[in-house]
Amino acid sequence: FIRCVTEEEQGMRKKEAENQRQGIDKSIRVLDPILCKLIVFDNSEHFEQMVDSVFDRLDILGANSLSFSELQTGLKAFHTDPMIVLGFDDFQYITRHVQLGQEERISREQFLEIFQEEFELYSARKLAE
């Protein structure tokens, strides 16, 4: 029995290590419920229009930028299945390649960059399944 449990734990650790090696972890999946709806784009211009539409729905203040709390609240309001619960660690992960200012707000252009990168990762995960 102990050997079986140990083997199962080793298998889980091995799978977790492989997922980390491939860049697959929970935090990068936080946008998947929206990304799966963006998969129907025809070309890059259409994809950008779809992402702009998402941004516009989130930018309820019309500031042309989003804070963590605005993004967190707005993503929950999409009522996706599963519901998007954006934690601060998720926010830090998805903004890891964009330079946020002192106010830590995401501009429309940065939002597009984030979605392009996350969509590439999402597509790679789907192909690997």
Foldseek 3Di string as FASTA:
>chain_A
DVVVVVVVVVVVVVVVVVCVVLVHDDLLCLCVLVLVVLPPADDPVSSLVSLVVLVVQLPPVPPQWAAPVSVQVSQQVVVTVVRRHHDVVSVCVLQVPPDADPRRIGGSVSSSVSSVVSSVVVVVVVVVD
